[in-house]
Amino acid sequence: MKTAVVLKGDKAAAHNNLALTLFENKQYEDALISYSKAISFEPSGVHYNNRGLTNYFYEKYDEAKDDFDKAIEFDPSDPTIYFNRGNVYLNWNENLDYLAAHSDYDKALKIAPNNPKLWHAKGLAY
């Protein structure tokens, strides 16, 4: 039997950590709710990126892209966010966009040129 977890209080980190646990336990809808609560208390690149990953995994690509866009506004120096958004472009059937994926991978590689995961992703986009 599934039980809902409810946090009282306004600590964004607590909601983010709960969401991470829910995600790991494949409770994606509940994770999205907790990430949204974290964002409502403290909008940040980390929280938007985490919610974006959950939306991506849930194949909600519109929402994932929007979350990654917001995450980049908060933290344009995080290569992981560009990598994540690039992955959206490669898997988004209605809006498949190899050029946008390459652009995001290039941005990530400018920040972290020695990251093999980024080079691998760029190669896959070809």
C-alpha atoms as a PDB file:
ATOM      1  CA  MET A   1       0.000   0.000   0.000  1.00  0.00           C
ATOM      2  CA  LYS A   2       1.363   3.405  -1.019  1.00  0.00           C
ATOM      3  CA  THR A   3       1.492   6.076   1.644  1.00  0.00           C
ATOM      4  CA  ALA A   4       1.929   9.745   0.896  1.00  0.00           C
ATOM      5  CA  VAL A   5       4.786  11.546   2.558  1.00  0.00           C
ATOM      6  CA  VAL A   6       3.998  15.021   3.785  1.00  0.00           C
ATOM      7  CA  LEU A   7       6.563  17.517   4.995  1.00  0.00           C
ATOM      8  CA  LYS A   8       5.591  20.455   7.101  1.00  0.00           C
ATOM      9  CA  GLY A   9       7.672  23.565   6.953  1.00  0.00           C
ATOM     10  CA  ASP A  10       9.292  25.723   4.375  1.00  0.00           C
ATOM     11  CA  LYS A  11      12.714  24.187   3.910  1.00  0.00           C
ATOM     12  CA  ALA A  12      13.419  23.849   0.220  1.00  0.00           C
ATOM     13  CA  ALA A  13      16.289  21.436   0.869  1.00  0.00           C
ATOM     14  CA  ALA A  14      13.989  19.074   2.767  1.00  0.00           C
ATOM     15  CA  HIS A  15      11.502  18.978  -0.108  1.00  0.00           C
ATOM     16  CA  ASN A  16      14.338  18.517  -2.607  1.00  0.00           C
ATOM     17  CA  ASN A  17      15.813  15.646  -0.591  1.00  0.00           C
ATOM     18  CA  LEU A  18      12.411  14.011  -0.228  1.00  0.00           C
ATOM     19  CA  ALA A  19      11.934  14.324  -3.986  1.00  0.00           C
ATOM     20  CA  LEU A  20      15.317  12.683  -4.622  1.00  0.00           C
ATOM     21  CA  THR A  21      14.251   9.743  -2.457  1.00  0.00           C
ATOM     22  CA  LEU A  22      10.853   9.504  -4.141  1.00  0.00           C
ATOM     23  CA  PHE A  23      12.516   9.564  -7.557  1.00  0.00           C
ATOM     24  CA  GLU A  24      14.904   6.773  -6.562  1.00  0.00           C
ATOM     25  CA  ASN A  25      11.863   4.759  -5.458  1.00  0.00           C
ATOM     26  CA  LYS A  26      10.123   5.356  -8.802  1.00  0.00           C
ATOM     27  CA  GLN A  27       7.417   7.537  -7.251  1.00  0.00           C
ATOM     28  CA  TYR A  28       7.721  10.101 -10.024  1.00  0.00           C
ATOM     29  CA  GLU A  29       4.470  12.003  -9.574  1.00  0.00           C
ATOM     30  CA  ASP A  30       5.200  12.499  -5.877  1.00  0.00           C
ATOM     31  CA  ALA A  31       8.766  13.529  -6.722  1.00  0.00           C
ATOM     32  CA  LEU A  32       7.442  16.183  -9.108  1.00  0.00           C
ATOM     33  CA  ILE A  33       5.207  17.537  -6.357  1.00  0.00           C
ATOM     34  CA  SER A  34       8.089  17.717  -3.898  1.00  0.00           C
ATOM     35  CA  TYR A  35      10.410  19.381  -6.413  1.00  0.00           C
ATOM     36  CA  SER A  36       7.705  21.922  -7.153  1.00  0.00           C
ATOM     37  CA  LYS A  37       7.399  22.640  -3.431  1.00  0.00           C
ATOM     38  CA  ALA A  38      11.173  23.098  -3.190  1.00  0.00           C
ATOM     39  CA  ILE A  39      10.996  25.540  -6.105  1.00  0.00           C
ATOM     40  CA  SER A  40       8.143  27.439  -4.480  1.00  0.00           C
ATOM     41  CA  PHE A  41      10.268  28.002  -1.368  1.00  0.00           C
ATOM     42  CA  GLU A  42      13.603  28.565  -3.107  1.00  0.00           C
ATOM     43  CA  PRO A  43      13.789  28.758  -6.890  1.00  0.00           C
ATOM     44  CA  SER A  44      17.259  27.567  -7.920  1.00  0.00           C
ATOM     45  CA  GLY A  45      19.119  25.915 -10.736  1.00  0.00           C
ATOM     46  CA  VAL A  46      19.461  22.718  -8.721  1.00  0.00           C
ATOM     47  CA  HIS A  47      15.748  22.422  -8.003  1.00  0.00           C
ATOM     48  CA  TYR A  48      14.687  23.211 -11.571  1.00  0.00           C
ATOM     49  CA  ASN A  49      17.296  20.799 -12.935  1.00  0.00           C
ATOM     50  CA  ASN A  50      16.124  18.015 -10.638  1.00  0.00           C
ATOM     51  CA  ARG A  51      12.485  18.541 -11.572  1.00  0.00           C
ATOM     52  CA  GLY A  52      13.533  18.682 -15.231  1.00  0.00           C
ATOM     53  CA  LEU A  53      15.231  15.301 -14.916  1.00  0.00           C
ATOM     54  CA  THR A  54      12.086  13.819 -13.419  1.00  0.00           C
ATOM     55  CA  ASN A  55       9.974  15.283 -16.224  1.00  0.00           C
ATOM     56  CA  TYR A  56      12.506  13.979 -18.752  1.00  0.00           C
ATOM     57  CA  PHE A  57      12.407  10.497 -17.265  1.00  0.00           C
ATOM     58  CA  TYR A  58       8.608  10.692 -17.288  1.00  0.00           C
ATOM     59  CA  GLU A  59       8.798  11.692 -20.991  1.00  0.00           C
ATOM     60  CA  LYS A  60       7.239  15.080 -20.305  1.00  0.00           C
ATOM     61  CA  TYR A  61       9.676  16.783 -22.654  1.00  0.00           C
ATOM     62  CA  ASP A  62       7.903  20.155 -22.859  1.00  0.00           C
ATOM     63  CA  GLU A  63       8.022  20.474 -19.098  1.00  0.00           C
ATOM     64  CA  ALA A  64      11.579  19.149 -18.916  1.00  0.00           C
ATOM     65  CA  LYS A  65      12.829  21.706 -21.434  1.00  0.00           C
ATOM     66  CA  ASP A  66      11.065  24.515 -19.576  1.00  0.00           C
ATOM     67  CA  ASP A  67      12.658  23.384 -16.306  1.00  0.00           C
ATOM     68  CA  PHE A  68      16.122  23.190 -17.864  1.00  0.00           C
ATOM     69  CA  ASP A  69      15.642  26.652 -19.402  1.00  0.00           C
ATOM     70  CA  LYS A  70      14.858  28.028 -15.937  1.00  0.00           C
ATOM     71  CA  ALA A  71      17.772  26.126 -14.386  1.00  0.00           C
ATOM     72  CA  ILE A  72      20.138  27.708 -16.914  1.00  0.00           C
ATOM     73  CA  GLU A  73      18.796  31.164 -16.017  1.00  0.00           C
ATOM     74  CA  PHE A  74      19.788  30.487 -12.402  1.00  0.00           C
ATOM     75  CA  ASP A  75      23.071  28.721 -13.120  1.00  0.00           C
ATOM     76  CA  PRO A  76      24.445  29.225 -16.653  1.00  0.00           C
ATOM     77  CA  SER A  77      27.815  27.788 -15.620  1.00  0.00           C
ATOM     78  CA  ASP A  78      26.572  24.266 -14.847  1.00  0.00           C
ATOM     79  CA  PRO A  79      27.439  21.959 -17.769  1.00  0.00           C
ATOM     80  CA  THR A  80      25.085  19.254 -16.509  1.00  0.00           C
ATOM     81  CA  ILE A  81      22.037  21.397 -17.218  1.00  0.00           C
ATOM     82  CA  TYR A  82      23.066  21.937 -20.856  1.00  0.00           C
ATOM     83  CA  PHE A  83      23.749  18.198 -21.139  1.00  0.00           C
ATOM     84  CA  ASN A  84      20.289  17.419 -19.770  1.00  0.00           C
ATOM     85  CA  ARG A  85      18.554  19.859 -22.109  1.00  0.00           C
ATOM     86  CA  GLY A  86      20.557  18.467 -25.033  1.00  0.00           C
ATOM     87  CA  ASN A  87      19.231  15.032 -24.168  1.00  0.00           C
ATOM     88  CA  VAL A  88      15.687  16.397 -24.306  1.00  0.00           C
ATOM     89  CA  TYR A  89      16.283  17.605 -27.863  1.00  0.00           C
ATOM     90  CA  LEU A  90      17.533  14.140 -28.879  1.00  0.00           C
ATOM     91  CA  ASN A  91      14.550  12.289 -27.433  1.00  0.00           C
ATOM     92  CA  TRP A  92      11.683  14.710 -28.024  1.00  0.00           C
ATOM     93  CA  ASN A  93       9.881  13.043 -30.935  1.00  0.00           C
ATOM     94  CA  GLU A  94       7.677  16.013 -31.826  1.00  0.00           C
ATOM     95  CA  ASN A  95      10.567  18.471 -31.623  1.00  0.00           C
ATOM     96  CA  LEU A  96      13.639  16.346 -32.329  1.00  0.00           C
ATOM     97  CA  ASP A  97      16.408  18.876 -32.927  1.00  0.00           C
ATOM     98  CA  TYR A  98      19.953  17.654 -33.518  1.00  0.00           C
ATOM     99  CA  LEU A  99      21.294  21.195 -33.975  1.00  0.00           C
ATOM    100  CA  ALA A 100      19.893  22.355 -30.635  1.00  0.00           C
ATOM    101  CA  ALA A 101      21.319  19.244 -28.952  1.00  0.00           C
ATOM    102  CA  HIS A 102      24.753  19.926 -30.475  1.00  0.00           C
ATOM    103  CA  SER A 103      24.554  23.546 -29.365  1.00  0.00           C
ATOM    104  CA  ASP A 104      23.808  22.513 -25.783  1.00  0.00           C
ATOM    105  CA  TYR A 105      26.558  19.885 -25.774  1.00  0.00           C
ATOM    106  CA  ASP A 106      28.984  22.487 -27.127  1.00  0.00           C
ATOM    107  CA  LYS A 107      28.008  24.886 -24.333  1.00  0.00           C
ATOM    108  CA  ALA A 108      28.564  22.139 -21.778  1.00  0.00           C
ATOM    109  CA  LEU A 109      31.934  21.261 -23.325  1.00  0.00           C
ATOM    110  CA  LYS A 110      33.078  24.883 -23.151  1.00  0.00           C
ATOM    111  CA  ILE A 111      32.536  24.694 -19.409  1.00  0.00           C
ATOM    112  CA  ALA A 112      33.834  21.143 -18.887  1.00  0.00           C
ATOM    113  CA  PRO A 113      36.045  20.219 -21.870  1.00  0.00           C
ATOM    114  CA  ASN A 114      37.517  17.125 -20.212  1.00  0.00           C
ATOM    115  CA  ASN A 115      34.207  15.442 -19.420  1.00  0.00           C
ATOM    116  CA  PRO A 116      33.993  12.229 -21.502  1.00  0.00           C
ATOM    117  CA  LYS A 117      30.232  11.911 -20.914  1.00  0.00           C
ATOM    118  CA  LEU A 118      29.704  15.172 -22.783  1.00  0.00           C
ATOM    119  CA  TRP A 119      31.888  14.119 -25.716  1.00  0.00           C
ATOM    120  CA  HIS A 120      30.045  10.807 -25.870  1.00  0.00           C
ATOM    121  CA  ALA A 121      26.671  12.561 -25.963  1.00  0.00           C
ATOM    122  CA  LYS A 122      27.850  14.905 -28.700  1.00  0.00           C
ATOM    123  CA  GLY A 123      29.021  11.903 -30.706  1.00  0.00           C
ATOM    124  CA  LEU A 124      25.671  10.186 -30.302  1.00  0.00           C
ATOM    125  CA  ALA A 125      23.940  13.306 -31.604  1.00  0.00           C
ATOM    126  CA  TYR A 126      25.767  12.883 -34.897  1.00  0.00           C
END
